[in-house]
Amino acid sequence: MHLPRRLLSGLISTATAFGLMVSSSTAADMGHTRTRAAMEALVARDDAPGVLAQVADGAGVWNGSTGTADYATGRPREAGDRFRIGSLTKPFVATVVLQLEAEGTLGLDDPVSRWLPEVRLGRYGAAAGRPEGAVTVRQLLGHTSGIPDYTADPALRAAYFSPRFPKVRMRTHSAAELVRRALSRPPLFRPGTGWSYSNTNYLLAGMVIERATGHSYATEIERRVLRPLKLRDTSLPGTSPRIPGQHGKEYSTLFAPGADPPVRDVTALNPSLAGASGEMISSAGDLVRFVRALATGRLLPPREAARMRTTRRADATDRYGLGLTERTLSCGVTVWGHDGTIHGSSTAAYTTPDGGHTIAVNLNGDWSDGARDLVEAEYCD
């Protein structure tokens, strides 16, 4: 699909007039009127083709959706839709690493070189005035390693974050290849002395899981998290371009410049470019269950849960722990969770510290910060 966004906006208005794309929920608004209004506003101003959300709180479970899941058919977004979750993969990976630490299989302060001697981190050790392997497993999970983000590689950005994407989206990448791209650049800072979000850290964390367990990180996530929590909508596709089960389309402007760039259907893509930093697929219901389980201690012993929540400042509103964001909203409420963006999809899942009030949202478009706005709308009445 290659349609101007102004034309797509017109299609939305027409479809709404015929009742094809109205908001829906499984119950009354249950106190989520502000969230519903924010969802509808995102679609109305063309910040997303469609939006869905699930909230679990003291009043029960509320599902809301608005907009379209498929421009070609006019199908509305539905509560059970699956979607790509991008960097919301990271808390799943961090959970497995912390479980392995609790079991004594590895240590958070282990040098990465202990597990991955073939990954040459000598220049990072030299930068810290320490021997090779200065970067630790803890620093990977907390983005304090100083290792550059492989997605900032100029050649990769020119291919994958531009209108050239349709030509390369089915290519397969290995974690080792992507890590080498990152390590070809100098360290951002001495390990442990700064903070910088880097997807490379989680590619390495996935590799550490594999070396420590003898199984892929996908196998360990499935065994340790997905099956115990019965997250049946959640999967790790590896190199498969498909979204299994019920799902709509996912759309992107492919980061094209200008006020009205074309929108393309990018639903099918090979997620090996994201790997352990962002390959997963899930649903709003599964994400609500997952972040609540983290908050209520179902996945980690108290010591490891506390380590996951030991944070440092990331920006004006966020602090980052080990695969988990602590966000202070405009109204002063603190929530814990993560955001995730990948071509065609923008997701957020957050909960209050006690797990009593949880939201998961998804936009099937990648050109706005609307997921963050919906979290604000839910908690800041």
Protein backbone atom coordinates (compact mmCIF):
# COMPACT_ATOMS: atom_id res chain seq x y z
CA MET A 1 0.00 0.00 0.00
CA HIS A 2 1.28 3.46 -0.88
CA LEU A 3 -1.30 6.11 -0.07
CA PRO A 4 -0.87 9.69 1.13
CA ARG A 5 -1.84 10.14 4.75
CA ARG A 6 -4.36 12.83 3.85
CA LEU A 7 -6.18 10.28 1.68
CA LEU A 8 -6.05 7.71 4.47
CA SER A 9 -7.59 10.27 6.82
CA GLY A 10 -10.43 10.66 4.38
CA LEU A 11 -10.94 6.92 4.27
CA ILE A 12 -11.11 6.87 8.06
CA SER A 13 -13.78 9.57 8.09
CA THR A 14 -15.83 7.78 5.44
CA ALA A 15 -15.60 4.42 7.17
CA THR A 16 -16.60 5.93 10.50
CA ALA A 17 -19.64 7.49 8.92
CA PHE A 18 -20.78 4.03 7.86
CA GLY A 19 -20.17 2.55 11.29
CA LEU A 20 -17.15 0.45 10.28
CA MET A 21 -14.66 1.91 12.71
CA VAL A 22 -16.32 3.02 15.90
CA SER A 23 -14.83 2.52 19.35
CA SER A 24 -15.78 -0.66 21.09
CA SER A 25 -15.29 -2.25 24.48
CA THR A 26 -16.33 -5.42 26.24
CA ALA A 27 -18.08 -3.43 28.95
CA ALA A 28 -19.01 0.13 29.86
CA ASP A 29 -16.21 2.67 30.06
CA MET A 30 -15.72 1.79 33.76
CA GLY A 31 -14.00 5.08 34.53
CA HIS A 32 -11.78 5.09 31.45
CA THR A 33 -13.60 7.84 29.56
CA ARG A 34 -10.47 9.97 29.38
CA THR A 35 -8.45 7.10 27.94
CA ARG A 36 -11.13 6.37 25.34
CA ALA A 37 -11.23 10.04 24.35
CA ALA A 38 -7.44 10.11 23.98
CA MET A 39 -7.58 7.00 21.79
CA GLU A 40 -10.22 8.51 19.53
CA ALA A 41 -8.26 11.77 19.31
CA LEU A 42 -5.16 9.92 18.10
CA VAL A 43 -7.10 8.41 15.21
CA ALA A 44 -8.96 11.64 14.44
CA ARG A 45 -5.73 13.61 14.03
CA ASP A 46 -4.07 10.83 12.00
CA ASP A 47 -1.51 9.89 14.64
CA ALA A 48 -2.40 6.22 14.13
CA PRO A 49 -4.64 4.10 11.89
CA GLY A 50 -6.10 2.37 14.94
CA VAL A 51 -5.59 2.02 18.68
CA LEU A 52 -6.43 -0.63 21.24
CA ALA A 53 -5.98 -0.81 25.00
CA GLN A 54 -6.63 -3.04 27.96
CA VAL A 55 -6.78 -1.82 31.55
CA ALA A 56 -6.98 -3.98 34.66
CA ASP A 57 -7.76 -2.27 37.97
CA GLY A 58 -10.03 -2.56 40.97
CA ALA A 59 -13.11 -2.25 38.76
CA GLY A 60 -12.13 -5.22 36.59
CA VAL A 61 -10.82 -5.48 33.04
CA TRP A 62 -11.70 -2.90 30.39
CA ASN A 63 -10.95 -3.26 26.66
CA GLY A 64 -11.17 -0.31 24.30
CA SER A 65 -10.43 0.01 20.60
CA THR A 66 -10.92 2.54 17.84
CA GLY A 67 -9.83 3.09 14.26
CA THR A 68 -8.94 0.58 11.61
CA ALA A 69 -6.91 -2.59 11.66
CA ASP A 70 -6.83 -2.85 7.87
CA TYR A 71 -7.26 0.00 5.40
CA ALA A 72 -8.00 -2.41 2.57
CA THR A 73 -10.96 -4.13 4.24
CA GLY A 74 -12.05 -1.51 6.78
CA ARG A 75 -11.89 -4.07 9.62
CA PRO A 76 -11.81 -2.26 12.97
CA ARG A 77 -9.20 -2.92 15.59
CA GLU A 78 -10.26 -5.58 18.08
CA ALA A 79 -9.27 -6.27 21.65
CA GLY A 80 -7.74 -9.66 20.87
CA ASP A 81 -5.48 -8.45 18.07
CA ARG A 82 -1.82 -9.46 18.24
CA PHE A 83 0.94 -7.04 17.28
CA ARG A 84 4.69 -6.57 17.31
CA ILE A 85 5.90 -5.16 20.64
CA GLY A 86 9.43 -4.00 19.78
CA SER A 87 11.47 -3.08 22.84
CA LEU A 88 8.88 -4.47 25.22
CA THR A 89 10.88 -7.63 24.48
CA LYS A 90 13.58 -6.27 26.80
CA PRO A 91 11.81 -6.87 30.14
CA PHE A 92 11.21 -10.48 29.08
CA VAL A 93 14.92 -10.92 28.38
CA ALA A 94 15.90 -9.15 31.60
CA THR A 95 13.53 -11.37 33.60
CA VAL A 96 15.25 -14.51 32.31
CA VAL A 97 18.72 -13.13 33.10
CA LEU A 98 17.62 -12.24 36.64
CA GLN A 99 16.10 -15.69 37.11
CA LEU A 100 19.42 -17.21 36.07
CA GLU A 101 21.18 -14.94 38.55
CA ALA A 102 18.81 -16.05 41.32
CA GLU A 103 19.58 -19.67 40.48
CA GLY A 104 23.34 -19.07 40.61
CA THR A 105 23.87 -19.83 36.91
CA LEU A 106 25.41 -16.42 36.28
CA GLY A 107 26.16 -13.20 38.14
CA LEU A 108 25.07 -9.71 37.26
CA ASP A 109 28.64 -8.52 37.80
CA ASP A 110 30.13 -11.22 35.61
CA PRO A 111 32.22 -9.70 32.81
CA VAL A 112 30.46 -10.24 29.52
CA SER A 113 33.73 -11.70 28.21
CA ARG A 114 33.37 -14.58 30.68
CA TRP A 115 30.35 -15.77 28.71
CA LEU A 116 31.19 -14.35 25.28
CA PRO A 117 34.97 -14.39 24.90
CA GLU A 118 34.59 -14.20 21.12
CA VAL A 119 32.97 -10.76 21.44
CA ARG A 120 35.95 -8.45 21.63
CA LEU A 121 35.30 -5.78 24.23
CA GLY A 122 38.95 -4.89 24.78
CA ARG A 123 38.55 -1.24 23.86
CA TYR A 124 35.77 -0.96 26.47
CA GLY A 125 38.02 -2.39 29.15
CA ALA A 126 40.78 -0.03 28.10
CA ALA A 127 38.40 2.91 28.27
CA ALA A 128 37.65 1.99 31.87
CA GLY A 129 41.29 1.43 32.78
CA ARG A 130 40.41 -2.18 33.50
CA PRO A 131 41.24 -5.48 31.79
CA GLU A 132 39.25 -6.80 28.86
CA GLY A 133 35.71 -7.65 29.83
CA ALA A 134 35.01 -4.52 31.87
CA VAL A 135 31.43 -4.51 30.60
CA THR A 136 29.23 -6.56 32.94
CA VAL A 137 25.93 -8.35 32.51
CA ARG A 138 24.29 -5.78 34.83
CA GLN A 139 25.49 -2.97 32.56
CA LEU A 140 23.92 -4.65 29.55
CA LEU A 141 20.51 -4.84 31.22
CA GLY A 142 20.70 -1.28 32.54
CA HIS A 143 22.11 0.40 29.39
CA THR A 144 25.22 1.58 31.26
CA SER A 145 27.76 -0.35 29.18
CA GLY A 146 28.72 2.48 26.84
CA ILE A 147 28.29 0.14 23.86
CA PRO A 148 26.79 2.01 20.87
CA ASP A 149 23.40 1.11 19.47
CA TYR A 150 23.78 -0.94 16.30
CA THR A 151 20.67 0.74 14.87
CA ALA A 152 22.69 3.98 14.69
CA ASP A 153 25.01 2.42 12.09
CA PRO A 154 24.77 4.76 9.06
CA ALA A 155 24.52 2.00 6.44
CA LEU A 156 21.87 0.14 8.41
CA ARG A 157 19.85 3.30 9.00
CA ALA A 158 19.98 4.19 5.32
CA ALA A 159 18.51 0.81 4.44
CA TYR A 160 16.07 0.06 7.25
CA PHE A 161 14.91 3.47 8.46
CA SER A 162 14.05 5.00 5.12
CA PRO A 163 11.77 4.38 2.13
CA ARG A 164 14.26 1.67 1.07
CA PHE A 165 12.91 -0.61 3.81
CA PRO A 166 10.55 -2.67 1.56
CA LYS A 167 13.58 -3.90 -0.39
CA VAL A 168 15.43 -5.22 2.69
CA ARG A 169 12.72 -6.17 5.15
CA MET A 170 12.98 -9.92 4.53
CA ARG A 171 16.74 -10.14 5.11
CA THR A 172 17.99 -12.31 7.96
CA HIS A 173 20.53 -10.94 10.43
CA SER A 174 22.47 -12.67 13.18
CA ALA A 175 23.04 -11.11 16.58
CA ALA A 176 26.80 -11.52 16.16
CA GLU A 177 26.73 -9.60 12.87
CA LEU A 178 24.74 -6.72 14.38
CA VAL A 179 26.97 -6.61 17.47
CA ARG A 180 30.04 -6.33 15.23
CA ARG A 181 28.49 -3.28 13.59
CA ALA A 182 28.11 -1.63 16.97
CA LEU A 183 31.59 -2.53 18.19
CA SER A 184 33.17 -1.01 15.10
CA ARG A 185 32.38 2.36 16.68
CA PRO A 186 34.15 3.80 19.74
CA PRO A 187 32.61 3.49 23.23
CA LEU A 188 30.07 6.14 24.18
CA PHE A 189 31.54 6.38 27.71
CA ARG A 190 33.48 4.30 30.21
CA PRO A 191 31.37 1.32 31.32
CA GLY A 192 29.23 2.16 34.31
CA THR A 193 29.81 5.92 34.14
CA GLY A 194 26.84 6.95 32.00
CA TRP A 195 23.51 5.87 30.56
CA SER A 196 22.56 5.47 26.90
CA TYR A 197 19.80 3.30 25.51
CA SER A 198 21.38 0.75 23.20
CA ASN A 199 19.67 -2.18 21.52
CA THR A 200 23.09 -3.83 21.25
CA ASN A 201 23.04 -4.47 24.99
CA TYR A 202 20.06 -6.79 24.65
CA LEU A 203 21.45 -8.64 21.65
CA LEU A 204 24.42 -9.43 23.92
CA ALA A 205 22.11 -10.34 26.82
CA GLY A 206 20.33 -12.82 24.55
CA MET A 207 23.69 -14.31 23.59
CA VAL A 208 24.66 -14.60 27.27
CA ILE A 209 21.42 -16.50 28.00
CA GLU A 210 22.20 -18.93 25.22
CA ARG A 211 25.78 -19.51 26.39
CA ALA A 212 24.76 -19.89 30.04
CA THR A 213 21.85 -22.29 29.44
CA GLY A 214 22.66 -24.07 26.22
CA HIS A 215 19.29 -22.93 24.87
CA SER A 216 18.21 -19.93 22.85
CA TYR A 217 16.83 -16.91 24.67
CA ALA A 218 13.53 -17.63 22.91
CA THR A 219 13.36 -21.11 24.41
CA GLU A 220 14.15 -19.78 27.88
CA ILE A 221 11.54 -17.00 27.65
CA GLU A 222 8.92 -19.51 26.53
CA ARG A 223 9.81 -21.95 29.33
CA ARG A 224 10.26 -19.46 32.15
CA VAL A 225 7.72 -16.72 31.35
CA LEU A 226 5.21 -17.50 28.62
CA ARG A 227 4.13 -20.95 29.77
CA PRO A 228 3.92 -20.23 33.54
CA LEU A 229 1.83 -17.09 32.89
CA LYS A 230 -0.17 -18.76 30.08
CA LEU A 231 0.68 -15.97 27.65
CA ARG A 232 -0.80 -17.75 24.66
CA ASP A 233 -0.81 -14.71 22.36
CA THR A 234 2.89 -14.05 22.90
CA SER A 235 5.62 -15.47 20.70
CA LEU A 236 9.17 -15.05 19.47
CA PRO A 237 9.04 -15.36 15.68
CA GLY A 238 12.79 -15.58 15.01
CA THR A 239 13.05 -15.06 11.26
CA SER A 240 9.39 -15.65 10.40
CA PRO A 241 7.77 -12.57 8.82
CA ARG A 242 4.26 -13.59 9.94
CA ILE A 243 2.18 -12.41 12.88
CA PRO A 244 0.35 -15.58 13.96
CA GLY A 245 -3.28 -15.60 15.02
CA GLN A 246 -5.74 -12.71 14.95
CA HIS A 247 -4.08 -9.48 13.89
CA GLY A 248 -4.54 -6.45 11.74
CA LYS A 249 -2.11 -4.64 9.48
CA GLU A 250 0.80 -2.54 10.68
CA TYR A 251 1.64 0.71 8.90
CA SER A 252 4.68 2.96 8.61
CA THR A 253 5.71 6.21 6.99
CA LEU A 254 9.21 4.69 6.76
CA PHE A 255 10.65 7.79 8.39
CA ALA A 256 10.24 9.76 5.18
CA PRO A 257 10.63 13.55 5.52
CA GLY A 258 7.85 16.04 4.99
CA ALA A 259 4.51 16.86 6.56
CA ASP A 260 2.49 14.25 4.70
CA PRO A 261 4.61 11.20 3.86
CA PRO A 262 3.08 8.10 2.31
CA VAL A 263 1.97 5.24 4.54
CA ARG A 264 2.97 1.66 3.71
CA ASP A 265 1.84 -1.73 4.93
CA VAL A 266 4.87 -3.23 6.74
CA THR A 267 3.07 -6.08 8.50
CA ALA A 268 5.33 -8.73 7.01
CA LEU A 269 8.97 -8.30 8.00
CA ASN A 270 11.85 -10.42 9.20
CA PRO A 271 12.28 -9.47 12.88
CA SER A 272 15.82 -10.84 13.14
CA LEU A 273 16.97 -7.24 12.74
CA ALA A 274 15.57 -6.68 16.24
CA GLY A 275 16.34 -10.07 17.81
CA ALA A 276 16.52 -10.08 21.60
CA SER A 277 16.17 -6.30 21.62
CA GLY A 278 12.71 -6.28 20.06
CA GLU A 279 11.41 -9.27 18.06
CA MET A 280 8.41 -10.36 20.13
CA ILE A 281 4.71 -10.44 19.28
CA SER A 282 1.97 -10.18 21.92
CA SER A 283 -1.48 -8.82 22.76
CA ALA A 284 -2.76 -6.20 25.19
CA GLY A 285 -4.15 -8.88 27.49
CA ASP A 286 -0.88 -10.80 27.66
CA LEU A 287 1.13 -7.64 28.29
CA VAL A 288 -1.17 -6.63 31.15
CA ARG A 289 -0.68 -10.06 32.71
CA PHE A 290 3.10 -9.89 32.25
CA VAL A 291 3.73 -6.47 33.81
CA ARG A 292 1.36 -7.27 36.68
CA ALA A 293 3.30 -10.48 37.30
CA LEU A 294 6.53 -8.49 37.48
CA ALA A 295 4.99 -6.01 39.91
CA THR A 296 3.50 -8.64 42.20
CA GLY A 297 6.55 -10.90 42.46
CA ARG A 298 5.32 -13.85 40.42
CA LEU A 299 8.41 -13.96 38.21
CA LEU A 300 11.34 -12.95 40.39
CA PRO A 301 12.44 -13.47 44.01
CA PRO A 302 12.45 -10.27 46.14
CA ARG A 303 16.21 -9.67 45.77
CA GLU A 304 16.11 -9.86 41.98
CA ALA A 305 12.91 -7.83 41.79
CA ALA A 306 14.64 -5.10 43.81
CA ARG A 307 17.62 -5.19 41.49
CA MET A 308 15.35 -4.84 38.48
CA ARG A 309 13.89 -1.71 40.10
CA THR A 310 17.23 -0.13 41.01
CA THR A 311 17.21 2.76 38.55
CA ARG A 312 19.23 5.65 37.25
CA ARG A 313 18.03 8.73 35.44
CA ALA A 314 17.32 8.32 31.73
CA ASP A 315 15.56 11.61 30.92
CA ALA A 316 13.30 14.25 32.45
CA THR A 317 10.49 11.82 33.32
CA ASP A 318 12.03 8.35 33.22
CA ARG A 319 14.47 6.33 35.25
CA TYR A 320 15.71 2.97 33.98
CA GLY A 321 16.41 -0.15 35.99
CA LEU A 322 17.30 -3.57 34.57
CA GLY A 323 14.93 -3.87 31.63
CA LEU A 324 12.26 -1.79 33.35
CA THR A 325 11.30 1.89 33.13
CA GLU A 326 10.16 3.92 36.13
CA ARG A 327 8.08 6.81 34.81
CA THR A 328 6.79 9.79 36.72
CA LEU A 329 3.72 11.13 34.95
CA SER A 330 2.68 14.77 34.73
CA CYS A 331 0.26 14.31 37.64
CA GLY A 332 2.97 12.83 39.88
CA VAL A 333 1.87 9.20 39.60
CA THR A 334 4.73 6.70 39.26
CA VAL A 335 4.31 3.67 36.99
CA TRP A 336 6.59 0.83 35.94
CA GLY A 337 6.83 -0.86 32.55
CA HIS A 338 8.32 -0.35 29.11
CA ASP A 339 7.64 1.10 25.68
CA GLY A 340 8.23 -0.64 22.39
CA THR A 341 8.39 0.57 18.81
CA ILE A 342 9.17 -1.39 15.67
CA HIS A 343 8.25 -0.73 12.04
CA GLY A 344 4.48 -0.32 11.95
CA SER A 345 3.76 -0.70 15.65
CA SER A 346 4.00 1.38 18.83
CA THR A 347 3.24 -0.21 22.22
CA ALA A 348 3.38 0.61 25.93
CA ALA A 349 2.60 -1.44 29.04
CA TYR A 350 2.74 0.09 32.53
CA THR A 351 1.48 -0.65 36.02
CA THR A 352 1.41 0.96 39.44
CA PRO A 353 4.07 -0.36 41.85
CA ASP A 354 1.62 -2.78 43.49
CA GLY A 355 0.27 -4.08 40.18
CA GLY A 356 -3.22 -2.86 41.06
CA HIS A 357 -3.72 -0.61 38.04
CA THR A 358 -2.23 -1.74 34.73
CA ILE A 359 -2.55 -0.61 31.12
CA ALA A 360 -1.30 -1.95 27.80
CA VAL A 361 -1.84 -0.01 24.57
CA ASN A 362 -0.93 -0.43 20.91
CA LEU A 363 -1.01 1.78 17.84
CA ASN A 364 -0.71 0.02 14.48
CA GLY A 365 1.40 2.91 13.17
CA ASP A 366 4.88 4.12 14.11
CA TRP A 367 4.82 7.86 13.42
CA SER A 368 3.58 9.32 16.71
CA ASP A 369 4.23 9.25 20.45
CA GLY A 370 0.61 8.36 21.08
CA ALA A 371 1.26 5.32 23.27
CA ARG A 372 2.88 7.54 25.87
CA ASP A 373 -0.06 9.94 25.68
CA LEU A 374 -2.48 7.11 26.45
CA VAL A 375 -0.58 6.11 29.58
CA GLU A 376 -0.84 9.72 30.75
CA ALA A 377 -4.56 9.79 29.99
CA GLU A 378 -5.23 6.62 31.99
CA TYR A 379 -3.48 7.63 35.20
CA CYS A 380 -3.83 11.43 35.20
CA ASP A 381 -7.53 12.26 35.54
